[in-house]
Amino acid sequence: MGDLLTIGAEGAFVAMMLAAAFIDGCSFRLPNPLTAGVALAFLPWALGRFDDPWLLLAHLAAGLVIMAVAALAFARNILGGGDAKLLAACALWTGFDELSRFLVTTSLAGGVLALAVLCLRPAGESRRLPYGIAIAAGGLDFWLRNSAVL
């Protein structure tokens, strides 16, 4: 049963990462139900993967730390609200062990995204970044390295 929960949660995670990239790329918005779904799908995944309850607490702490930092970035108009919430939801999945790689991968994908926006959008147009695309890239990288399915 644990394997089925894990696989189902991972499938939901992948689908929501792809949806986040698509929706943010098209509309510059990340719907709250989507980010909540990423966070909620973590619970059955964790129940299927963790034997030690301290691991669950460590993953929850990682999500809270990233939420606090991302909320500060949002307050300073550095990051969008949906991006902040999606980063925190993904940090639940990565925990502290995988958090640095997730953040580096997300940042690198964000850099590529920024270059694409600079090159492809005319100078007069808005150069806002649909950063959900970069966050999804980081999330999918995490999944590819930690999947119970692969």
N, C-alpha and C. Protein backbone atom coordinates (compact mmCIF):
# COMPACT_ATOMS: atom_id res chain seq x y z
N MET A 1 0.83 -1.20 0.00
CA MET A 1 0.00 0.00 0.00
C MET A 1 0.86 1.26 0.00
N GLY A 2 1.98 1.21 0.74
CA GLY A 2 2.87 2.36 0.77
C GLY A 2 3.41 2.70 -0.60
N ASP A 3 3.74 1.65 -1.38
CA ASP A 3 4.25 1.89 -2.73
C ASP A 3 3.20 2.56 -3.61
N LEU A 4 1.96 2.13 -3.48
CA LEU A 4 0.89 2.72 -4.27
C LEU A 4 0.67 4.18 -3.90
N LEU A 5 0.70 4.49 -2.60
CA LEU A 5 0.59 5.89 -2.16
C LEU A 5 1.73 6.73 -2.71
N THR A 6 2.93 6.19 -2.63
CA THR A 6 4.11 6.92 -3.10
C THR A 6 4.02 7.18 -4.60
N ILE A 7 3.69 6.17 -5.35
CA ILE A 7 3.61 6.32 -6.81
C ILE A 7 2.50 7.30 -7.19
N GLY A 8 1.35 7.19 -6.54
CA GLY A 8 0.25 8.12 -6.82
C GLY A 8 0.62 9.55 -6.48
N ALA A 9 1.26 9.75 -5.35
CA ALA A 9 1.67 11.09 -4.95
C ALA A 9 2.71 11.65 -5.91
N GLU A 10 3.65 10.80 -6.33
CA GLU A 10 4.65 11.26 -7.29
C GLU A 10 4.02 11.61 -8.63
N GLY A 11 3.07 10.82 -9.07
CA GLY A 11 2.37 11.14 -10.31
C GLY A 11 1.65 12.48 -10.22
N ALA A 12 1.02 12.71 -9.08
CA ALA A 12 0.35 14.00 -8.87
C ALA A 12 1.36 15.14 -8.86
N PHE A 13 2.49 14.92 -8.21
CA PHE A 13 3.54 15.94 -8.15
C PHE A 13 4.01 16.32 -9.55
N VAL A 14 4.32 15.31 -10.35
CA VAL A 14 4.79 15.56 -11.72
C VAL A 14 3.72 16.31 -12.52
N ALA A 15 2.48 15.86 -12.43
CA ALA A 15 1.40 16.53 -13.16
C ALA A 15 1.25 17.98 -12.72
N MET A 16 1.37 18.23 -11.42
CA MET A 16 1.22 19.60 -10.92
C MET A 16 2.42 20.46 -11.28
N MET A 17 3.61 19.90 -11.36
CA MET A 17 4.78 20.67 -11.80
C MET A 17 4.61 21.08 -13.26
N LEU A 18 4.16 20.14 -14.09
CA LEU A 18 3.92 20.46 -15.50
C LEU A 18 2.81 21.49 -15.65
N ALA A 19 1.75 21.34 -14.86
CA ALA A 19 0.66 22.31 -14.90
C ALA A 19 1.13 23.69 -14.45
N ALA A 20 1.96 23.74 -13.41
CA ALA A 20 2.47 25.03 -12.91
C ALA A 20 3.27 25.73 -13.99
N ALA A 21 4.13 24.99 -14.67
CA ALA A 21 4.94 25.59 -15.74
C ALA A 21 4.04 26.12 -16.86
N PHE A 22 3.07 25.32 -17.26
CA PHE A 22 2.18 25.73 -18.36
C PHE A 22 1.32 26.93 -17.97
N ILE A 23 0.69 26.85 -16.81
CA ILE A 23 -0.22 27.93 -16.39
C ILE A 23 0.55 29.23 -16.17
N ASP A 24 1.68 29.16 -15.48
CA ASP A 24 2.45 30.38 -15.23
C ASP A 24 3.02 30.93 -16.53
N GLY A 25 3.43 30.05 -17.43
CA GLY A 25 3.94 30.50 -18.73
C GLY A 25 2.89 31.21 -19.55
N CYS A 26 1.65 30.80 -19.42
CA CYS A 26 0.56 31.41 -20.20
C CYS A 26 -0.06 32.63 -19.52
N SER A 27 -0.10 32.63 -18.18
CA SER A 27 -0.90 33.66 -17.50
C SER A 27 -0.16 34.44 -16.41
N PHE A 28 1.09 34.08 -16.14
CA PHE A 28 1.84 34.71 -15.04
C PHE A 28 1.11 34.57 -13.71
N ARG A 29 0.45 33.44 -13.51
CA ARG A 29 -0.27 33.19 -12.26
C ARG A 29 -0.07 31.72 -11.87
N LEU A 30 0.01 31.50 -10.58
CA LEU A 30 0.03 30.15 -10.04
C LEU A 30 -1.15 30.04 -9.08
N PRO A 31 -2.19 29.32 -9.48
CA PRO A 31 -3.39 29.24 -8.65
C PRO A 31 -3.12 28.60 -7.29
N ASN A 32 -3.76 29.14 -6.26
CA ASN A 32 -3.61 28.60 -4.92
C ASN A 32 -3.95 27.11 -4.82
N PRO A 33 -5.02 26.63 -5.48
CA PRO A 33 -5.31 25.19 -5.39
C PRO A 33 -4.16 24.33 -5.94
N LEU A 34 -3.44 24.83 -6.91
CA LEU A 34 -2.32 24.08 -7.47
C LEU A 34 -1.18 23.98 -6.45
N THR A 35 -0.81 25.10 -5.85
CA THR A 35 0.28 25.06 -4.87
C THR A 35 -0.14 24.28 -3.62
N ALA A 36 -1.39 24.39 -3.24
CA ALA A 36 -1.89 23.60 -2.11
C ALA A 36 -1.85 22.11 -2.44
N GLY A 37 -2.16 21.78 -3.67
CA GLY A 37 -2.11 20.38 -4.09
C GLY A 37 -0.70 19.80 -4.01
N VAL A 38 0.30 20.62 -4.40
CA VAL A 38 1.69 20.16 -4.30
C VAL A 38 2.03 19.87 -2.83
N ALA A 39 1.62 20.79 -1.95
CA ALA A 39 1.89 20.60 -0.51
C ALA A 39 1.14 19.39 0.04
N LEU A 40 -0.12 19.23 -0.32
CA LEU A 40 -0.92 18.13 0.21
C LEU A 40 -0.47 16.77 -0.32
N ALA A 41 0.00 16.72 -1.56
CA ALA A 41 0.47 15.45 -2.12
C ALA A 41 1.73 14.97 -1.42
N PHE A 42 2.43 15.88 -0.75
CA PHE A 42 3.61 15.49 0.00
C PHE A 42 3.27 14.49 1.12
N LEU A 43 2.13 14.66 1.76
CA LEU A 43 1.79 13.83 2.92
C LEU A 43 1.71 12.34 2.60
N PRO A 44 0.94 11.91 1.59
CA PRO A 44 0.94 10.47 1.30
C PRO A 44 2.30 9.97 0.81
N TRP A 45 3.03 10.83 0.10
CA TRP A 45 4.37 10.45 -0.34
C TRP A 45 5.27 10.20 0.87
N ALA A 46 5.23 11.11 1.82
CA ALA A 46 6.06 10.98 3.02
C ALA A 46 5.66 9.76 3.83
N LEU A 47 4.37 9.51 3.94
CA LEU A 47 3.91 8.33 4.69
C LEU A 47 4.39 7.04 4.04
N GLY A 48 4.48 7.05 2.73
CA GLY A 48 4.97 5.87 2.02
C GLY A 48 6.48 5.72 2.01
N ARG A 49 7.20 6.81 2.26
CA ARG A 49 8.67 6.79 2.16
C ARG A 49 9.40 6.81 3.49
N PHE A 50 8.84 7.46 4.50
CA PHE A 50 9.58 7.68 5.73
C PHE A 50 9.17 6.71 6.83
N ASP A 51 10.16 6.07 7.42
CA ASP A 51 9.92 5.24 8.59
C ASP A 51 10.10 6.06 9.87
N ASP A 52 10.93 7.07 9.80
CA ASP A 52 11.27 7.88 10.96
C ASP A 52 10.43 9.16 10.97
N PRO A 53 9.63 9.40 12.02
CA PRO A 53 8.81 10.61 12.09
C PRO A 53 9.65 11.90 12.11
N TRP A 54 10.91 11.80 12.52
CA TRP A 54 11.77 12.98 12.51
C TRP A 54 12.05 13.46 11.08
N LEU A 55 12.06 12.53 10.14
CA LEU A 55 12.22 12.93 8.73
C LEU A 55 11.06 13.79 8.27
N LEU A 56 9.86 13.39 8.66
CA LEU A 56 8.68 14.19 8.31
C LEU A 56 8.81 15.59 8.90
N LEU A 57 9.21 15.69 10.15
CA LEU A 57 9.37 17.00 10.78
C LEU A 57 10.46 17.82 10.10
N ALA A 58 11.54 17.17 9.69
CA ALA A 58 12.61 17.89 8.99
C ALA A 58 12.13 18.44 7.66
N HIS A 59 11.33 17.66 6.95
CA HIS A 59 10.79 18.14 5.67
C HIS A 59 9.81 19.29 5.89
N LEU A 60 9.00 19.19 6.93
CA LEU A 60 8.08 20.28 7.25
C LEU A 60 8.86 21.54 7.62
N ALA A 61 9.95 21.38 8.35
CA ALA A 61 10.79 22.52 8.71
C ALA A 61 11.41 23.17 7.47
N ALA A 62 11.83 22.36 6.52
CA ALA A 62 12.39 22.91 5.27
C ALA A 62 11.35 23.75 4.55
N GLY A 63 10.12 23.26 4.49
CA GLY A 63 9.05 24.03 3.85
C GLY A 63 8.79 25.34 4.57
N LEU A 64 8.81 25.31 5.90
CA LEU A 64 8.58 26.53 6.68
C LEU A 64 9.71 27.55 6.51
N VAL A 65 10.94 27.07 6.49
CA VAL A 65 12.08 27.97 6.29
C VAL A 65 11.99 28.65 4.93
N ILE A 66 11.72 27.88 3.90
CA ILE A 66 11.61 28.47 2.56
C ILE A 66 10.41 29.39 2.47
N MET A 67 9.31 29.05 3.13
CA MET A 67 8.15 29.94 3.12
C MET A 67 8.50 31.28 3.76
N ALA A 68 9.24 31.27 4.86
CA ALA A 68 9.62 32.51 5.53
C ALA A 68 10.53 33.36 4.64
N VAL A 69 11.52 32.73 4.03
CA VAL A 69 12.45 33.47 3.15
C VAL A 69 11.72 33.97 1.91
N ALA A 70 10.88 33.13 1.33
CA ALA A 70 10.14 33.52 0.13
C ALA A 70 9.11 34.61 0.44
N ALA A 71 8.51 34.57 1.62
CA ALA A 71 7.57 35.63 2.01
C ALA A 71 8.29 36.96 2.13
N LEU A 72 9.50 36.93 2.64
CA LEU A 72 10.31 38.16 2.71
C LEU A 72 10.63 38.66 1.30
N ALA A 73 10.99 37.76 0.41
CA ALA A 73 11.26 38.14 -0.98
C ALA A 73 10.00 38.71 -1.64
N PHE A 74 8.85 38.15 -1.33
CA PHE A 74 7.58 38.67 -1.86
C PHE A 74 7.32 40.07 -1.31
N ALA A 75 7.54 40.26 0.00
CA ALA A 75 7.30 41.56 0.62
C ALA A 75 8.20 42.64 0.02
N ARG A 76 9.36 42.25 -0.47
CA ARG A 76 10.29 43.20 -1.09
C ARG A 76 10.13 43.26 -2.61
N ASN A 77 9.06 42.64 -3.11
CA ASN A 77 8.72 42.66 -4.53
C ASN A 77 9.81 42.01 -5.40
N ILE A 78 10.45 41.00 -4.84
CA ILE A 78 11.48 40.25 -5.57
C ILE A 78 10.88 39.01 -6.21
N LEU A 79 9.86 38.47 -5.58
CA LEU A 79 9.25 37.21 -5.98
C LEU A 79 7.74 37.35 -5.91
N GLY A 80 7.05 36.71 -6.83
CA GLY A 80 5.60 36.72 -6.79
C GLY A 80 5.06 35.83 -5.68
N GLY A 81 3.84 36.09 -5.26
CA GLY A 81 3.23 35.32 -4.18
C GLY A 81 3.06 33.85 -4.53
N GLY A 82 2.62 33.56 -5.73
CA GLY A 82 2.45 32.17 -6.16
C GLY A 82 3.79 31.46 -6.23
N ASP A 83 4.82 32.17 -6.69
CA ASP A 83 6.16 31.59 -6.75
C ASP A 83 6.65 31.24 -5.34
N ALA A 84 6.41 32.16 -4.39
CA ALA A 84 6.83 31.93 -3.01
C ALA A 84 6.16 30.68 -2.45
N LYS A 85 4.88 30.54 -2.69
CA LYS A 85 4.15 29.38 -2.16
C LYS A 85 4.58 28.09 -2.84
N LEU A 86 4.82 28.14 -4.15
CA LEU A 86 5.25 26.93 -4.85
C LEU A 86 6.65 26.50 -4.42
N LEU A 87 7.54 27.46 -4.21
CA LEU A 87 8.87 27.12 -3.69
C LEU A 87 8.77 26.40 -2.34
N ALA A 88 7.94 26.93 -1.46
CA ALA A 88 7.78 26.32 -0.13
C ALA A 88 7.16 24.93 -0.24
N ALA A 89 6.18 24.77 -1.11
CA ALA A 89 5.55 23.46 -1.28
C ALA A 89 6.57 22.44 -1.81
N CYS A 90 7.41 22.86 -2.73
CA CYS A 90 8.44 21.96 -3.25
C CYS A 90 9.48 21.64 -2.19
N ALA A 91 9.78 22.61 -1.32
CA ALA A 91 10.75 22.37 -0.25
C ALA A 91 10.26 21.31 0.72
N LEU A 92 8.95 21.16 0.85
CA LEU A 92 8.42 20.05 1.66
C LEU A 92 8.93 18.73 1.10
N TRP A 93 8.88 18.60 -0.20
CA TRP A 93 9.29 17.36 -0.85
C TRP A 93 10.80 17.14 -0.73
N THR A 94 11.58 18.19 -0.91
CA THR A 94 13.04 18.02 -0.95
C THR A 94 13.64 17.84 0.44
N GLY A 95 13.04 18.47 1.45
CA GLY A 95 13.68 18.48 2.76
C GLY A 95 15.00 19.21 2.68
N PHE A 96 15.72 19.23 3.77
CA PHE A 96 17.01 19.93 3.78
C PHE A 96 18.07 19.20 2.97
N ASP A 97 17.97 17.87 2.89
CA ASP A 97 18.99 17.09 2.18
C ASP A 97 19.08 17.44 0.70
N GLU A 98 17.96 17.68 0.07
CA GLU A 98 17.93 17.95 -1.37
C GLU A 98 17.64 19.42 -1.69
N LEU A 99 17.48 20.24 -0.65
CA LEU A 99 17.04 21.62 -0.85
C LEU A 99 18.05 22.44 -1.65
N SER A 100 19.32 22.31 -1.35
CA SER A 100 20.30 23.14 -2.06
C SER A 100 20.32 22.82 -3.55
N ARG A 101 20.27 21.54 -3.90
CA ARG A 101 20.25 21.20 -5.33
C ARG A 101 18.98 21.71 -5.99
N PHE A 102 17.85 21.57 -5.31
CA PHE A 102 16.59 22.09 -5.85
C PHE A 102 16.69 23.59 -6.12
N LEU A 103 17.23 24.34 -5.15
CA LEU A 103 17.33 25.79 -5.31
C LEU A 103 18.33 26.18 -6.39
N VAL A 104 19.44 25.46 -6.49
CA VAL A 104 20.42 25.75 -7.54
C VAL A 104 19.83 25.43 -8.91
N THR A 105 19.18 24.28 -9.04
CA THR A 105 18.56 23.90 -10.32
C THR A 105 17.49 24.91 -10.71
N THR A 106 16.67 25.31 -9.74
CA THR A 106 15.64 26.31 -10.00
C THR A 106 16.27 27.63 -10.44
N SER A 107 17.34 28.04 -9.78
CA SER A 107 18.01 29.29 -10.13
C SER A 107 18.62 29.23 -11.53
N LEU A 108 19.25 28.12 -11.85
CA LEU A 108 19.83 27.97 -13.19
C LEU A 108 18.74 28.00 -14.27
N ALA A 109 17.66 27.30 -14.00
CA ALA A 109 16.54 27.33 -14.95
C ALA A 109 15.96 28.74 -15.06
N GLY A 110 15.93 29.46 -13.93
CA GLY A 110 15.47 30.85 -13.95
C GLY A 110 16.38 31.74 -14.78
N GLY A 111 17.68 31.49 -14.71
CA GLY A 111 18.63 32.24 -15.53
C GLY A 111 18.41 32.01 -17.01
N VAL A 112 18.22 30.76 -17.38
CA VAL A 112 17.93 30.43 -18.79
C VAL A 112 16.62 31.08 -19.21
N LEU A 113 15.64 31.04 -18.35
CA LEU A 113 14.34 31.67 -18.62
C LEU A 113 14.51 33.18 -18.82
N ALA A 114 15.29 33.82 -17.97
CA ALA A 114 15.51 35.26 -18.08
C ALA A 114 16.20 35.61 -19.40
N LEU A 115 17.19 34.82 -19.79
CA LEU A 115 17.86 35.06 -21.07
C LEU A 115 16.89 34.90 -22.24
N ALA A 116 16.04 33.89 -22.16
CA ALA A 116 15.05 33.68 -23.22
C ALA A 116 14.10 34.86 -23.31
N VAL A 117 13.65 35.36 -22.16
CA VAL A 117 12.74 36.51 -22.16
C VAL A 117 13.44 37.73 -22.74
N LEU A 118 14.67 37.96 -22.36
CA LEU A 118 15.41 39.11 -22.89
C LEU A 118 15.59 39.02 -24.40
N CYS A 119 15.84 37.82 -24.89
CA CYS A 119 16.09 37.65 -26.32
C CYS A 119 14.81 37.62 -27.16
N LEU A 120 13.74 37.09 -26.62
CA LEU A 120 12.55 36.84 -27.42
C LEU A 120 11.47 37.91 -27.33
N ARG A 121 11.42 38.65 -26.25
CA ARG A 121 10.39 39.69 -26.12
C ARG A 121 10.92 41.02 -26.63
N PRO A 122 10.09 41.72 -27.37
CA PRO A 122 10.51 43.05 -27.84
C PRO A 122 10.78 43.98 -26.65
N ALA A 123 11.65 44.98 -26.87
CA ALA A 123 12.12 45.87 -25.79
C ALA A 123 10.97 46.58 -25.08
N GLY A 124 9.90 46.91 -25.77
CA GLY A 124 8.81 47.66 -25.14
C GLY A 124 7.90 46.82 -24.27
N GLU A 125 7.93 45.51 -24.45
CA GLU A 125 7.03 44.62 -23.71
C GLU A 125 7.54 44.35 -22.31
N SER A 126 6.63 43.94 -21.46
CA SER A 126 6.98 43.56 -20.09
C SER A 126 7.97 42.40 -20.11
N ARG A 127 8.91 42.45 -19.21
CA ARG A 127 9.90 41.38 -19.13
C ARG A 127 9.76 40.60 -17.83
N ARG A 128 8.53 40.53 -17.34
CA ARG A 128 8.27 39.71 -16.15
C ARG A 128 8.60 38.26 -16.48
N LEU A 129 9.00 37.53 -15.46
CA LEU A 129 9.35 36.13 -15.64
C LEU A 129 8.27 35.22 -15.06
N PRO A 130 7.81 34.26 -15.83
CA PRO A 130 6.92 33.24 -15.28
C PRO A 130 7.78 32.21 -14.53
N TYR A 131 8.19 32.57 -13.30
CA TYR A 131 9.19 31.80 -12.57
C TYR A 131 8.69 30.40 -12.18
N GLY A 132 7.39 30.18 -12.29
CA GLY A 132 6.86 28.84 -12.06
C GLY A 132 7.48 27.81 -12.99
N ILE A 133 7.91 28.26 -14.16
CA ILE A 133 8.59 27.35 -15.11
C ILE A 133 9.90 26.87 -14.50
N ALA A 134 10.66 27.80 -13.93
CA ALA A 134 11.95 27.45 -13.32
C ALA A 134 11.75 26.58 -12.08
N ILE A 135 10.75 26.91 -11.28
CA ILE A 135 10.47 26.11 -10.08
C ILE A 135 10.07 24.70 -10.48
N ALA A 136 9.26 24.59 -11.52
CA ALA A 136 8.86 23.27 -12.00
C ALA A 136 10.07 22.48 -12.49
N ALA A 137 11.01 23.14 -13.14
CA ALA A 137 12.23 22.46 -13.59
C ALA A 137 13.00 21.90 -12.39
N GLY A 138 13.12 22.71 -11.34
CA GLY A 138 13.78 22.23 -10.13
C GLY A 138 13.03 21.07 -9.48
N GLY A 139 11.70 21.17 -9.46
CA GLY A 139 10.89 20.09 -8.90
C GLY A 139 10.99 18.81 -9.69
N LEU A 140 10.98 18.93 -11.00
CA LEU A 140 11.09 17.73 -11.84
C LEU A 140 12.47 17.11 -11.73
N ASP A 141 13.51 17.94 -11.60
CA ASP A 141 14.86 17.41 -11.37
C ASP A 141 14.88 16.60 -10.07
N PHE A 142 14.28 17.14 -9.03
CA PHE A 142 14.19 16.41 -7.76
C PHE A 142 13.49 15.07 -7.97
N TRP A 143 12.36 15.08 -8.66
CA TRP A 143 11.59 13.86 -8.86
C TRP A 143 12.40 12.83 -9.66
N LEU A 144 13.08 13.28 -10.70
CA LEU A 144 13.85 12.34 -11.52
C LEU A 144 14.94 11.64 -10.71
N ARG A 145 15.50 12.30 -9.72
CA ARG A 145 16.56 11.70 -8.92
C ARG A 145 16.04 10.89 -7.74
N ASN A 146 14.79 11.08 -7.37
CA ASN A 146 14.27 10.45 -6.15
C ASN A 146 13.02 9.61 -6.36
N SER A 147 12.64 9.37 -7.58
CA SER A 147 11.39 8.68 -7.87
C SER A 147 11.40 7.22 -7.44
N ALA A 148 10.28 6.80 -6.90
CA ALA A 148 10.09 5.39 -6.58
C ALA A 148 9.74 4.60 -7.84
N VAL A 149 9.33 5.32 -8.88
CA VAL A 149 8.89 4.68 -10.11
C VAL A 149 10.07 4.36 -11.02
N LEU A 150 11.01 5.30 -11.10
CA LEU A 150 12.13 5.13 -12.06
C LEU A 150 13.17 4.16 -11.58
